[in-house]
Every structure is written in C-alpha cells, then in structure tokens.
C-alpha cells in the first residue's frame, strides 16, 4: 500500500489532540467584527471539536497528523 498524501488545506485548518480528537477554528472571526458583540467574540476565540459525523472524513485527509 503506497503512502497517503496529506491534504495540505485540511492540515492547516485542523489539529489532532493528544487523545486523537480533531480540533477546528470557529467561523465568523475574520472580518466585520465591529458589529459582533463582545460575548460572541469571546465564544469564537476558543477552538472547538469537529462534529463526530465528520471525524472519519477529516482523519482521511490528515492521515499522519
């Protein structure tokens, strides 16, 4: 079986935790921030885990991370 290539776009967007869970950055935090409240921006600061239904798909894109 040949080695798999890592999907570079996915590798930049996702990180794998020590226990094997996949983390992602939350959306809506890049521009037009003045119209968003402080509470909302504080929530968007924290990274989140991807939904369990997408784990298999993302792990296939980043096989060695």
PDB file of N, CA and C in Angstrom:
ATOM      1  N   UNK A   1       0.840  -1.188   0.000  1.00  0.00           N
ATOM      2  CA  UNK A   1       0.000   0.000   0.000  1.00  0.00           C
ATOM      3  C   UNK A   1       0.886   1.254   0.000  1.00  0.00           C
ATOM      4  N   UNK A   2       0.689   2.156  -0.964  1.00  0.00           N
ATOM      5  CA  UNK A   2       1.524   3.352  -1.002  1.00  0.00           C
ATOM      6  C   UNK A   2       1.191   4.312   0.135  1.00  0.00           C
ATOM      7  N   UNK A   3       2.135   5.210   0.392  1.00  0.00           N
ATOM      8  CA  UNK A   3       1.898   6.218   1.418  1.00  0.00           C
ATOM      9  C   UNK A   3       0.803   7.166   0.933  1.00  0.00           C
ATOM     10  N   UNK A   4       0.059   7.728   1.875  1.00  0.00           N
ATOM     11  CA  UNK A   4      -1.016   8.660   1.532  1.00  0.00           C
ATOM     12  C   UNK A   4      -0.495  10.080   1.601  1.00  0.00           C
ATOM     13  N   UNK A   5      -1.006  10.914   0.721  1.00  0.00           N
ATOM     14  CA  UNK A   5      -0.644  12.329   0.767  1.00  0.00           C
ATOM     15  C   UNK A   5      -1.578  13.048   1.717  1.00  0.00           C
ATOM     16  N   UNK A   6      -1.016  13.946   2.505  1.00  0.00           N
ATOM     17  CA  UNK A   6      -1.811  14.770   3.404  1.00  0.00           C
ATOM     18  C   UNK A   6      -2.451  15.893   2.606  1.00  0.00           C
ATOM     19  N   UNK A   7      -3.726  16.149   2.855  1.00  0.00           N
ATOM     20  CA  UNK A   7      -4.427  17.273   2.229  1.00  0.00           C
ATOM     21  C   UNK A   7      -3.943  18.539   2.937  1.00  0.00           C
ATOM     22  N   UNK A   8      -3.136  19.356   2.256  1.00  0.00           N
ATOM     23  CA  UNK A   8      -2.462  20.478   2.906  1.00  0.00           C
ATOM     24  C   UNK A   8      -3.449  21.523   3.417  1.00  0.00           C
ATOM     25  N   UNK A   9      -4.554  21.730   2.704  1.00  0.00           N
ATOM     26  CA  UNK A   9      -5.554  22.686   3.177  1.00  0.00           C
ATOM     27  C   UNK A   9      -6.171  22.236   4.482  1.00  0.00           C
ATOM     28  N   UNK A  10      -6.445  20.947   4.594  1.00  0.00           N
ATOM     29  CA  UNK A  10      -7.021  20.404   5.824  1.00  0.00           C
ATOM     30  C   UNK A  10      -5.995  20.428   6.951  1.00  0.00           C
ATOM     31  N   UNK A  11      -4.730  20.189   6.629  1.00  0.00           N
ATOM     32  CA  UNK A  11      -3.691  20.170   7.656  1.00  0.00           C
ATOM     33  C   UNK A  11      -3.534  21.539   8.305  1.00  0.00           C
ATOM     34  N   UNK A  12      -3.802  22.601   7.552  1.00  0.00           N
ATOM     35  CA  UNK A  12      -3.701  23.947   8.106  1.00  0.00           C
ATOM     36  C   UNK A  12      -4.925  24.312   8.939  1.00  0.00           C
ATOM     37  N   UNK A  13      -6.048  23.662   8.687  1.00  0.00           N
ATOM     38  CA  UNK A  13      -7.281  24.012   9.380  1.00  0.00           C
ATOM     39  C   UNK A  13      -7.576  23.170  10.609  1.00  0.00           C
ATOM     40  N   UNK A  14      -7.047  21.966  10.655  1.00  0.00           N
ATOM     41  CA  UNK A  14      -7.360  21.049  11.752  1.00  0.00           C
ATOM     42  C   UNK A  14      -6.098  20.620  12.477  1.00  0.00           C
ATOM     43  N   UNK A  15      -6.244  20.390  13.779  1.00  0.00           N
ATOM     44  CA  UNK A  15      -5.151  19.838  14.581  1.00  0.00           C
ATOM     45  C   UNK A  15      -5.716  18.653  15.357  1.00  0.00           C
ATOM     46  N   UNK A  16      -4.877  17.659  15.602  1.00  0.00           N
ATOM     47  CA  UNK A  16      -5.309  16.482  16.342  1.00  0.00           C
ATOM     48  C   UNK A  16      -4.798  16.602  17.771  1.00  0.00           C
ATOM     49  N   UNK A  17      -5.673  16.377  18.748  1.00  0.00           N
ATOM     50  CA  UNK A  17      -5.291  16.461  20.150  1.00  0.00           C
ATOM     51  C   UNK A  17      -4.513  15.210  20.549  1.00  0.00           C
ATOM     52  N   UNK A  18      -4.011  15.192  21.750  1.00  0.00           N
ATOM     53  CA  UNK A  18      -3.252  14.052  22.230  1.00  0.00           C
ATOM     54  C   UNK A  18      -4.080  12.791  22.320  1.00  0.00           C
ATOM     55  N   UNK A  19      -5.369  12.946  22.531  1.00  0.00           N
ATOM     56  CA  UNK A  19      -6.254  11.786  22.619  1.00  0.00           C
ATOM     57  C   UNK A  19      -6.883  11.409  21.285  1.00  0.00           C
ATOM     58  N   UNK A  20      -6.482  12.088  20.215  1.00  0.00           N
ATOM     59  CA  UNK A  20      -6.954  11.727  18.891  1.00  0.00           C
ATOM     60  C   UNK A  20      -8.197  12.449  18.416  1.00  0.00           C
ATOM     61  N   UNK A  21      -8.678  13.425  19.186  1.00  0.00           N
ATOM     62  CA  UNK A  21      -9.828  14.207  18.739  1.00  0.00           C
ATOM     63  C   UNK A  21      -9.335  15.291  17.794  1.00  0.00           C
ATOM     64  N   UNK A  22     -10.226  15.772  16.921  1.00  0.00           N
ATOM     65  CA  UNK A  22      -9.829  16.749  15.916  1.00  0.00           C
ATOM     66  C   UNK A  22     -10.415  18.108  16.278  1.00  0.00           C
ATOM     67  N   UNK A  23      -9.529  19.124  16.357  1.00  0.00           N
ATOM     68  CA  UNK A  23      -9.952  20.471  16.708  1.00  0.00           C
ATOM     69  C   UNK A  23     -10.049  21.335  15.462  1.00  0.00           C
ATOM     70  N   UNK A  24     -10.910  22.345  15.531  1.00  0.00           N
ATOM     71  CA  UNK A  24     -11.077  23.279  14.427  1.00  0.00           C
ATOM     72  C   UNK A  24     -11.235  24.677  14.989  1.00  0.00           C
ATOM     73  N   UNK A  25     -11.051  25.665  14.128  1.00  0.00           N
ATOM     74  CA  UNK A  25     -11.259  27.057  14.498  1.00  0.00           C
ATOM     75  C   UNK A  25     -12.698  27.425  14.168  1.00  0.00           C
ATOM     76  N   UNK A  26     -13.289  28.286  14.958  1.00  0.00           N
ATOM     77  CA  UNK A  26     -14.674  28.680  14.709  1.00  0.00           C
ATOM     78  C   UNK A  26     -14.744  29.721  13.604  1.00  0.00           C
ATOM     79  N   UNK A  27     -15.842  29.719  12.879  1.00  0.00           N
ATOM     80  CA  UNK A  27     -16.048  30.643  11.765  1.00  0.00           C
ATOM     81  C   UNK A  27     -16.498  32.010  12.276  1.00  0.00           C
ATOM     82  N   UNK A  28     -16.553  32.996  11.374  1.00  0.00           N
ATOM     83  CA  UNK A  28     -17.083  34.346  11.640  1.00  0.00           C
ATOM     84  C   UNK A  28     -16.166  35.170  12.529  1.00  0.00           C
ATOM     85  N   UNK A  29     -14.857  34.940  12.512  1.00  0.00           N
ATOM     86  CA  UNK A  29     -13.947  35.680  13.376  1.00  0.00           C
ATOM     87  C   UNK A  29     -12.867  36.381  12.563  1.00  0.00           C
ATOM     88  N   UNK A  30     -13.091  36.596  11.266  1.00  0.00           N
ATOM     89  CA  UNK A  30     -12.018  37.161  10.458  1.00  0.00           C
ATOM     90  C   UNK A  30     -12.246  38.620  10.074  1.00  0.00           C
ATOM     91  N   UNK A  31     -13.466  39.033   9.829  1.00  0.00           N
ATOM     92  CA  UNK A  31     -13.705  40.432   9.463  1.00  0.00           C
ATOM     93  C   UNK A  31     -15.127  40.820   9.857  1.00  0.00           C
ATOM     94  N   UNK A  32     -15.451  42.114   9.734  1.00  0.00           N
ATOM     95  CA  UNK A  32     -16.746  42.667  10.165  1.00  0.00           C
ATOM     96  C   UNK A  32     -16.991  42.399  11.645  1.00  0.00           C
ATOM     97  N   UNK A  33     -15.962  42.606  12.460  1.00  0.00           N
ATOM     98  CA  UNK A  33     -16.049  42.269  13.871  1.00  0.00           C
ATOM     99  C   UNK A  33     -16.726  43.355  14.704  1.00  0.00           C
ATOM    100  N   UNK A  34     -16.845  44.571  14.179  1.00  0.00           N
ATOM    101  CA  UNK A  34     -17.413  45.658  14.979  1.00  0.00           C
ATOM    102  C   UNK A  34     -18.895  45.456  15.249  1.00  0.00           C
ATOM    103  N   UNK A  35     -19.571  44.750  14.362  1.00  0.00           N
ATOM    104  CA  UNK A  35     -21.000  44.520  14.565  1.00  0.00           C
ATOM    105  C   UNK A  35     -21.311  43.331  15.453  1.00  0.00           C
ATOM    106  N   UNK A  36     -20.290  42.628  15.877  1.00  0.00           N
ATOM    107  CA  UNK A  36     -20.491  41.440  16.712  1.00  0.00           C
ATOM    108  C   UNK A  36     -20.192  41.787  18.167  1.00  0.00           C
ATOM    109  N   UNK A  37     -20.992  41.253  19.052  1.00  0.00           N
ATOM    110  CA  UNK A  37     -20.856  41.595  20.463  1.00  0.00           C
ATOM    111  C   UNK A  37     -19.629  40.969  21.106  1.00  0.00           C
ATOM    112  N   UNK A  38     -19.243  41.518  22.257  1.00  0.00           N
ATOM    113  CA  UNK A  38     -18.064  41.035  22.963  1.00  0.00           C
ATOM    114  C   UNK A  38     -18.256  39.596  23.425  1.00  0.00           C
ATOM    115  N   UNK A  39     -19.468  39.256  23.875  1.00  0.00           N
ATOM    116  CA  UNK A  39     -19.729  37.881  24.322  1.00  0.00           C
ATOM    117  C   UNK A  39     -19.542  36.902  23.171  1.00  0.00           C
ATOM    118  N   UNK A  40     -20.058  37.294  22.015  1.00  0.00           N
ATOM    119  CA  UNK A  40     -19.954  36.429  20.844  1.00  0.00           C
ATOM    120  C   UNK A  40     -18.491  36.241  20.433  1.00  0.00           C
ATOM    121  N   UNK A  41     -17.734  37.341  20.412  1.00  0.00           N
ATOM    122  CA  UNK A  41     -16.324  37.256  20.021  1.00  0.00           C
ATOM    123  C   UNK A  41     -15.528  36.420  21.013  1.00  0.00           C
ATOM    124  N   UNK A  42     -15.875  36.498  22.283  1.00  0.00           N
ATOM    125  CA  UNK A  42     -15.188  35.694  23.301  1.00  0.00           C
ATOM    126  C   UNK A  42     -15.454  34.213  23.058  1.00  0.00           C
ATOM    127  N   UNK A  43     -16.691  33.871  22.703  1.00  0.00           N
ATOM    128  CA  UNK A  43     -17.017  32.471  22.400  1.00  0.00           C
ATOM    129  C   UNK A  43     -16.275  31.995  21.158  1.00  0.00           C
ATOM    130  N   UNK A  44     -16.123  32.879  20.169  1.00  0.00           N
ATOM    131  CA  UNK A  44     -15.470  32.499  18.919  1.00  0.00           C
ATOM    132  C   UNK A  44     -13.965  32.314  19.072  1.00  0.00           C
ATOM    133  N   UNK A  45     -13.385  32.855  20.152  1.00  0.00           N
ATOM    134  CA  UNK A  45     -11.945  32.717  20.365  1.00  0.00           C
ATOM    135  C   UNK A  45     -11.523  31.284  20.605  1.00  0.00           C
ATOM    136  N   UNK A  46     -12.355  30.527  21.281  1.00  0.00           N
ATOM    137  CA  UNK A  46     -11.985  29.170  21.659  1.00  0.00           C
ATOM    138  C   UNK A  46     -12.112  28.218  20.473  1.00  0.00           C
ATOM    139  N   UNK A  47     -11.160  27.310  20.377  1.00  0.00           N
ATOM    140  CA  UNK A  47     -11.248  26.273  19.357  1.00  0.00           C
ATOM    141  C   UNK A  47     -12.322  25.274  19.774  1.00  0.00           C
ATOM    142  N   UNK A  48     -12.862  24.560  18.811  1.00  0.00           N
ATOM    143  CA  UNK A  48     -13.937  23.621  19.068  1.00  0.00           C
ATOM    144  C   UNK A  48     -13.559  22.278  18.450  1.00  0.00           C
ATOM    145  N   UNK A  49     -14.221  21.226  18.882  1.00  0.00           N
ATOM    146  CA  UNK A  49     -14.024  19.916  18.272  1.00  0.00           C
ATOM    147  C   UNK A  49     -14.952  19.782  17.075  1.00  0.00           C
ATOM    148  N   UNK A  50     -14.511  19.049  16.068  1.00  0.00           N
ATOM    149  CA  UNK A  50     -15.400  18.843  14.927  1.00  0.00           C
ATOM    150  C   UNK A  50     -16.487  17.846  15.318  1.00  0.00           C
ATOM    151  N   UNK A  51     -17.589  17.889  14.596  1.00  0.00           N
ATOM    152  CA  UNK A  51     -18.727  17.024  14.893  1.00  0.00           C
ATOM    153  C   UNK A  51     -18.341  15.564  14.654  1.00  0.00           C
ATOM    154  N   UNK A  52     -18.821  14.660  15.507  1.00  0.00           N
ATOM    155  CA  UNK A  52     -18.450  13.235  15.368  1.00  0.00           C
ATOM    156  C   UNK A  52     -18.737  12.635  13.996  1.00  0.00           C
ATOM    157  N   UNK A  53     -19.743  13.163  13.294  1.00  0.00           N
ATOM    158  CA  UNK A  53     -20.065  12.607  11.978  1.00  0.00           C
ATOM    159  C   UNK A  53     -19.014  12.964  10.932  1.00  0.00           C
ATOM    160  N   UNK A  54     -18.168  13.961  11.211  1.00  0.00           N
ATOM    161  CA  UNK A  54     -17.147  14.383  10.244  1.00  0.00           C
ATOM    162  C   UNK A  54     -15.745  13.885  10.579  1.00  0.00           C
ATOM    163  N   UNK A  55     -15.590  13.209  11.711  1.00  0.00           N
ATOM    164  CA  UNK A  55     -14.250  12.800  12.152  1.00  0.00           C
ATOM    165  C   UNK A  55     -13.597  11.869  11.140  1.00  0.00           C
ATOM    166  N   UNK A  56     -14.311  10.878  10.675  1.00  0.00           N
ATOM    167  CA  UNK A  56     -13.745   9.902   9.753  1.00  0.00           C
ATOM    168  C   UNK A  56     -13.280  10.576   8.459  1.00  0.00           C
ATOM    169  N   UNK A  57     -14.066  11.496   7.969  1.00  0.00           N
ATOM    170  CA  UNK A  57     -13.744  12.201   6.726  1.00  0.00           C
ATOM    171  C   UNK A  57     -12.484  13.052   6.888  1.00  0.00           C
ATOM    172  N   UNK A  58     -12.386  13.758   8.006  1.00  0.00           N
ATOM    173  CA  UNK A  58     -11.237  14.633   8.221  1.00  0.00           C
ATOM    174  C   UNK A  58      -9.985  13.813   8.499  1.00  0.00           C
ATOM    175  N   UNK A  59     -10.101  12.720   9.259  1.00  0.00           N
ATOM    176  CA  UNK A  59      -8.934  11.882   9.546  1.00  0.00           C
ATOM    177  C   UNK A  59      -8.355  11.280   8.270  1.00  0.00           C
ATOM    178  N   UNK A  60      -9.207  11.063   7.276  1.00  0.00           N
ATOM    179  CA  UNK A  60      -8.731  10.546   5.996  1.00  0.00           C
ATOM    180  C   UNK A  60      -7.892  11.602   5.266  1.00  0.00           C
ATOM    181  N   UNK A  61      -8.231  12.888   5.477  1.00  0.00           N
ATOM    182  CA  UNK A  61      -7.478  13.968   4.816  1.00  0.00           C
ATOM    183  C   UNK A  61      -6.135  14.221   5.490  1.00  0.00           C
ATOM    184  N   UNK A  62      -6.061  13.944   6.809  1.00  0.00           N
ATOM    185  CA  UNK A  62      -4.810  14.210   7.538  1.00  0.00           C
ATOM    186  C   UNK A  62      -4.347  12.912   8.208  1.00  0.00           C
ATOM    187  N   UNK A  63      -3.883  11.936   7.431  1.00  0.00           N
ATOM    188  CA  UNK A  63      -3.606  10.616   7.976  1.00  0.00           C
ATOM    189  C   UNK A  63      -2.442  10.553   8.960  1.00  0.00           C
ATOM    190  N   UNK A  64      -1.466  11.465   8.856  1.00  0.00           N
ATOM    191  CA  UNK A  64      -0.275  11.325   9.699  1.00  0.00           C
ATOM    192  C   UNK A  64      -0.150  12.404  10.762  1.00  0.00           C
ATOM    193  N   UNK A  65      -1.166  13.215  10.948  1.00  0.00           N
ATOM    194  CA  UNK A  65      -1.089  14.276  11.969  1.00  0.00           C
ATOM    195  C   UNK A  65      -1.614  13.772  13.295  1.00  0.00           C
TER     196      UNK A  65
END
